[in-house]
Amino acid sequence: DVKSLMSFPPRIPGYSLDGTDSGFLLVDCLEDVVWRDDEAKDIFKDNEKIHQLLTIMRGFALRNQEASYTVKGKIEGLRVLLTGPAGSGKTLACKYLSEKLHLPLYRASIADFRSSALNIDHAIQLAFDRAARWKAIFLLDMADIFVPKRGNSTFESKYIASIFLKVLENYSGIAILVTDRPEALDNALYSRVHVKIEFPEPDQEEREKIWIGALTETNNTLTIEVSAMVDKLKKLELDGRRINNAVRVAKLFAKSR
């Protein structure tokens, strides 16, 4: 009723998954989540490995939901490792899976933990607890920094690795670990991973999809002029990150004209 609305605070505490930061949110600006699972982000449309992973993750999410009502005790999580050079589409794949599964994507990296006022072991536990509480996909960038090969790692690195592996094993949700240096990962992590997918450098066909996806992010249609431009741009040997950066700069330039 009206009286209840009048007593409701204008701001509430919240967390930005994009900005990976907490703060206060204006209640008037809150709205339902709109999942972008039918837009032009179709770079993985014909990617059999990604669609197999999507099927596995759907099955896990369904099993996890059923188990929460019927089974008491520990529920093992799903651990995925994505490897490949920078800009090959690993993070984009995580966003794609998040949209398709209608699950939030909680992203973390070593910078988030080292900048935390908490001890790093508490910071790692807090990150996993947040992802579990929000029923989110936990995405960890630069996994090789957390679990490096033991032969050439410091005592601090070994300590962080042991804490991380322990928390990872106890996590009952979906965790996706990303690295562009798979050779630097310790075997202790490989033995705990259920699914591993390698991302090669994008070929010309994939670059075309990336260009189209980036250019149609806010407008789902391509003009004849832009389509002709994409035919030329796809021949440039750029990775996904550079393509998106180029489109972002071009849009900013066009907006100021």
Protein backbone atom coordinates (compact mmCIF):
# COMPACT_ATOMS: atom_id res chain seq x y z
CA ASP A 1 0.00 0.00 0.00
CA VAL A 2 0.92 3.69 -0.13
CA LYS A 3 2.02 3.85 3.52
CA SER A 4 4.43 0.96 3.02
CA LEU A 5 5.91 2.65 -0.04
CA MET A 6 6.38 5.91 1.87
CA SER A 7 8.37 4.14 4.58
CA PHE A 8 10.58 2.34 2.07
CA PRO A 9 14.13 3.80 1.86
CA PRO A 10 15.03 5.58 -1.41
CA ARG A 11 18.35 3.71 -1.55
CA ILE A 12 19.32 0.14 -0.73
CA PRO A 13 22.76 -1.53 -0.54
CA GLY A 14 23.73 -3.57 -3.58
CA TYR A 15 26.61 -4.99 -5.59
CA SER A 16 27.54 -4.27 -9.20
CA LEU A 17 28.59 -7.41 -11.06
CA ASP A 18 29.94 -5.28 -13.92
CA GLY A 19 31.88 -2.93 -11.69
CA THR A 20 32.70 -5.62 -9.10
CA ASP A 21 31.99 -3.14 -6.33
CA SER A 22 29.35 -2.52 -3.67
CA GLY A 23 27.39 0.65 -3.01
CA PHE A 24 23.91 2.10 -2.66
CA LEU A 25 21.32 1.76 -5.43
CA LEU A 26 18.39 4.08 -6.12
CA VAL A 27 15.16 2.12 -5.74
CA ASP A 28 13.53 4.15 -8.54
CA CYS A 29 16.20 2.88 -10.96
CA LEU A 30 15.79 -0.82 -10.17
CA GLU A 31 14.25 -3.06 -12.82
CA ASP A 32 13.95 -6.74 -13.67
CA VAL A 33 16.89 -8.48 -15.30
CA VAL A 34 16.59 -8.71 -19.08
CA TRP A 35 18.60 -11.68 -20.35
CA ARG A 36 20.17 -11.13 -23.76
CA ASP A 37 19.98 -14.74 -24.91
CA ASP A 38 18.41 -14.05 -28.29
CA GLU A 39 20.57 -11.21 -29.58
CA ALA A 40 23.27 -11.21 -32.24
CA LYS A 41 25.90 -12.65 -29.91
CA ASP A 42 25.97 -15.79 -32.08
CA ILE A 43 29.72 -16.30 -32.35
CA PHE A 44 29.19 -19.66 -30.59
CA LYS A 45 26.18 -20.66 -32.69
CA ASP A 46 28.10 -23.44 -34.46
CA ASN A 47 30.60 -24.15 -31.66
CA GLU A 48 29.92 -27.76 -30.70
CA LYS A 49 32.16 -27.70 -27.62
CA ILE A 50 30.45 -24.64 -26.14
CA HIS A 51 27.00 -26.12 -26.75
CA GLN A 52 28.07 -29.39 -25.14
CA LEU A 53 29.29 -27.39 -22.15
CA LEU A 54 25.99 -25.49 -22.10
CA THR A 55 24.12 -28.81 -21.98
CA ILE A 56 26.32 -30.05 -19.12
CA MET A 57 25.82 -26.82 -17.18
CA ARG A 58 22.05 -26.95 -17.70
CA GLY A 59 22.01 -30.52 -16.40
CA PHE A 60 24.11 -29.53 -13.40
CA ALA A 61 21.89 -26.54 -12.58
CA LEU A 62 18.79 -28.77 -12.73
CA ARG A 63 20.42 -31.49 -10.61
CA ASN A 64 21.63 -28.91 -8.11
CA GLN A 65 18.14 -27.46 -7.81
CA GLU A 66 16.61 -30.89 -7.23
CA ALA A 67 19.35 -31.93 -4.79
CA SER A 68 18.81 -28.84 -2.64
CA TYR A 69 15.34 -30.18 -1.85
CA THR A 70 16.15 -33.87 -1.45
CA VAL A 71 19.78 -34.29 -0.32
CA LYS A 72 21.39 -33.06 2.85
CA GLY A 73 25.16 -32.59 2.98
CA LYS A 74 27.81 -31.67 0.45
CA ILE A 75 26.87 -31.23 -3.21
CA GLU A 76 29.88 -31.32 -5.53
CA GLY A 77 30.24 -28.36 -7.84
CA LEU A 78 31.05 -28.21 -11.55
CA ARG A 79 34.57 -27.00 -12.38
CA VAL A 80 35.42 -25.83 -15.91
CA LEU A 81 38.79 -24.72 -17.31
CA LEU A 82 38.99 -22.50 -20.40
CA THR A 83 42.42 -22.00 -21.97
CA GLY A 84 43.65 -20.03 -24.97
CA PRO A 85 45.46 -16.84 -25.98
CA ALA A 86 44.18 -13.42 -24.90
CA GLY A 87 41.26 -12.25 -27.02
CA SER A 88 40.28 -15.74 -28.19
CA GLY A 89 36.77 -15.53 -26.70
CA LYS A 90 37.07 -17.17 -23.27
CA THR A 91 35.40 -14.38 -21.30
CA LEU A 92 32.84 -13.83 -24.07
CA ALA A 93 31.95 -17.53 -23.83
CA CYS A 94 31.35 -17.14 -20.09
CA LYS A 95 29.01 -14.20 -20.73
CA TYR A 96 27.25 -16.23 -23.44
CA LEU A 97 26.73 -19.17 -21.05
CA SER A 98 25.51 -16.83 -18.32
CA GLU A 99 22.89 -15.30 -20.61
CA LYS A 100 21.74 -18.68 -21.94
CA LEU A 101 21.39 -20.17 -18.44
CA HIS A 102 19.86 -17.01 -16.96
CA LEU A 103 22.47 -17.05 -14.19
CA PRO A 104 24.43 -14.00 -12.99
CA LEU A 105 28.17 -13.97 -13.71
CA TYR A 106 30.39 -13.17 -10.72
CA ARG A 107 33.86 -12.30 -11.98
CA ALA A 108 37.01 -12.17 -9.85
CA SER A 109 40.77 -11.88 -10.34
CA ILE A 110 43.90 -11.73 -8.21
CA ALA A 111 43.62 -7.91 -8.15
CA ASP A 112 40.29 -8.14 -6.30
CA PHE A 113 41.79 -10.31 -3.57
CA ARG A 114 45.05 -8.39 -3.13
CA SER A 115 43.20 -5.07 -2.86
CA SER A 116 40.86 -6.49 -0.21
CA ALA A 117 41.20 -5.34 3.39
CA LEU A 118 40.69 -8.98 4.43
CA ASN A 119 43.37 -11.64 4.53
CA ILE A 120 43.63 -13.27 1.11
CA ASP A 121 42.23 -16.59 2.40
CA HIS A 122 39.18 -14.80 3.81
CA ALA A 123 38.84 -12.79 0.58
CA ILE A 124 38.86 -15.97 -1.52
CA GLN A 125 36.25 -17.58 0.73
CA LEU A 126 34.10 -14.43 0.61
CA ALA A 127 34.14 -14.39 -3.20
CA PHE A 128 32.98 -18.01 -3.43
CA ASP A 129 30.36 -17.42 -0.72
CA ARG A 130 28.96 -14.48 -2.69
CA ALA A 131 28.71 -16.53 -5.87
CA ALA A 132 26.98 -19.35 -3.97
CA ARG A 133 24.55 -16.99 -2.23
CA TRP A 134 23.62 -15.27 -5.49
CA LYS A 135 23.46 -18.61 -7.39
CA ALA A 136 25.95 -17.15 -9.85
CA ILE A 137 28.54 -18.63 -12.19
CA PHE A 138 31.92 -17.96 -10.57
CA LEU A 139 34.46 -16.76 -13.16
CA LEU A 140 38.11 -16.55 -12.15
CA ASP A 141 40.55 -14.76 -14.45
CA MET A 142 44.25 -15.67 -14.56
CA ALA A 143 43.84 -19.01 -12.80
CA ASP A 144 47.56 -19.73 -13.31
CA ILE A 145 48.40 -17.07 -10.70
CA PHE A 146 46.33 -18.90 -8.09
CA VAL A 147 47.61 -22.40 -8.82
CA PRO A 148 51.07 -22.12 -10.44
CA LYS A 149 53.37 -25.07 -10.91
CA ARG A 150 54.93 -25.92 -7.58
CA GLY A 151 58.50 -26.23 -8.84
CA ASN A 152 59.07 -22.50 -9.32
CA SER A 153 56.53 -20.98 -6.91
CA THR A 154 57.15 -19.11 -3.67
CA PHE A 155 55.89 -20.07 -0.21
CA GLU A 156 53.18 -17.40 -0.51
CA SER A 157 52.06 -18.82 -3.88
CA LYS A 158 51.90 -22.34 -2.44
CA TYR A 159 49.84 -21.05 0.50
CA ILE A 160 47.38 -19.25 -1.80
CA ALA A 161 47.14 -22.34 -4.02
CA SER A 162 46.34 -24.63 -1.09
CA ILE A 163 43.66 -22.26 0.22
CA PHE A 164 42.17 -21.76 -3.23
CA LEU A 165 42.01 -25.50 -4.04
CA LYS A 166 40.37 -26.24 -0.70
CA VAL A 167 37.69 -23.58 -1.21
CA LEU A 168 37.20 -24.66 -4.84
CA GLU A 169 36.60 -28.28 -3.83
CA ASN A 170 33.99 -27.24 -1.27
CA TYR A 171 32.16 -24.95 -3.70
CA SER A 172 28.86 -26.48 -4.80
CA GLY A 173 28.15 -24.18 -7.75
CA ILE A 174 29.58 -23.66 -11.25
CA ALA A 175 33.16 -22.36 -11.31
CA ILE A 176 34.86 -21.39 -14.58
CA LEU A 177 38.63 -20.88 -14.44
CA VAL A 178 40.28 -18.96 -17.27
CA THR A 179 43.95 -18.76 -18.27
CA ASP A 180 46.06 -17.90 -21.31
CA ARG A 181 49.02 -19.77 -19.78
CA PRO A 182 47.86 -23.38 -19.33
CA GLU A 183 51.46 -24.59 -19.24
CA ALA A 184 51.93 -22.63 -15.98
CA LEU A 185 49.09 -24.42 -14.16
CA ASP A 186 49.84 -27.05 -11.55
CA ASN A 187 48.56 -30.60 -12.06
CA ALA A 188 46.66 -30.27 -8.78
CA LEU A 189 44.17 -28.03 -10.57
CA TYR A 190 43.90 -30.19 -13.70
CA SER A 191 42.96 -33.18 -11.53
CA ARG A 192 40.04 -31.23 -10.05
CA VAL A 193 38.60 -29.95 -13.34
CA HIS A 194 35.60 -31.71 -14.89
CA VAL A 195 35.58 -30.00 -18.31
CA LYS A 196 38.47 -28.37 -20.22
CA ILE A 197 38.04 -26.40 -23.44
CA GLU A 198 40.84 -24.84 -25.48
CA PHE A 199 40.19 -21.66 -27.48
CA PRO A 200 42.34 -21.12 -30.60
CA GLU A 201 42.98 -17.76 -32.23
CA PRO A 202 39.80 -16.67 -34.09
CA ASP A 203 39.83 -17.43 -37.81
CA GLN A 204 38.35 -15.18 -40.50
CA GLU A 205 34.83 -16.57 -40.11
CA GLU A 206 34.91 -16.12 -36.34
CA ARG A 207 36.33 -12.61 -36.68
CA GLU A 208 33.39 -11.73 -38.92
CA LYS A 209 30.97 -12.87 -36.21
CA ILE A 210 32.86 -10.87 -33.58
CA TRP A 211 32.75 -7.72 -35.73
CA ILE A 212 29.02 -8.17 -36.38
CA GLY A 213 28.30 -8.91 -32.71
CA ALA A 214 30.19 -5.82 -31.56
CA LEU A 215 28.62 -3.55 -34.17
CA THR A 216 25.06 -4.76 -33.48
CA GLU A 217 25.29 -4.63 -29.68
CA THR A 218 22.94 -1.65 -29.51
CA ASN A 219 21.36 -2.02 -32.96
CA ASN A 220 20.43 -5.47 -34.26
CA THR A 221 20.59 -4.47 -37.93
CA LEU A 222 23.54 -3.90 -40.25
CA THR A 223 23.43 -1.39 -43.10
CA ILE A 224 24.75 -2.33 -46.53
CA GLU A 225 27.72 0.00 -45.99
CA VAL A 226 28.65 -1.59 -42.66
CA SER A 227 28.25 -5.11 -44.09
CA ALA A 228 30.69 -4.22 -46.85
CA MET A 229 33.08 -2.80 -44.26
CA VAL A 230 32.90 -6.02 -42.21
CA ASP A 231 33.94 -8.01 -45.30
CA LYS A 232 37.17 -6.01 -45.29
CA LEU A 233 37.67 -5.84 -41.52
CA LYS A 234 37.41 -9.61 -41.01
CA LYS A 235 40.61 -10.06 -43.02
CA LEU A 236 42.60 -8.15 -40.38
CA GLU A 237 44.29 -10.58 -37.99
CA LEU A 238 42.86 -9.11 -34.78
CA ASP A 239 41.71 -10.99 -31.70
CA GLY A 240 38.30 -10.50 -30.10
CA ARG A 241 39.51 -8.03 -27.50
CA ARG A 242 41.10 -5.74 -30.09
CA ILE A 243 38.00 -5.90 -32.28
CA ASN A 244 35.73 -4.88 -29.39
CA ASN A 245 38.13 -2.10 -28.39
CA ALA A 246 38.18 -0.79 -31.97
CA VAL A 247 34.38 -0.75 -32.16
CA ARG A 248 34.11 0.94 -28.77
CA VAL A 249 36.49 3.73 -29.82
CA ALA A 250 34.69 4.12 -33.16
CA LYS A 251 31.33 4.52 -31.39
CA LEU A 252 32.77 7.16 -29.04
CA PHE A 253 34.25 9.01 -32.02
CA ALA A 254 30.93 8.88 -33.91
CA LYS A 255 29.00 10.12 -30.86
CA SER A 256 31.17 13.23 -30.61
CA ARG A 257 30.71 14.16 -34.29
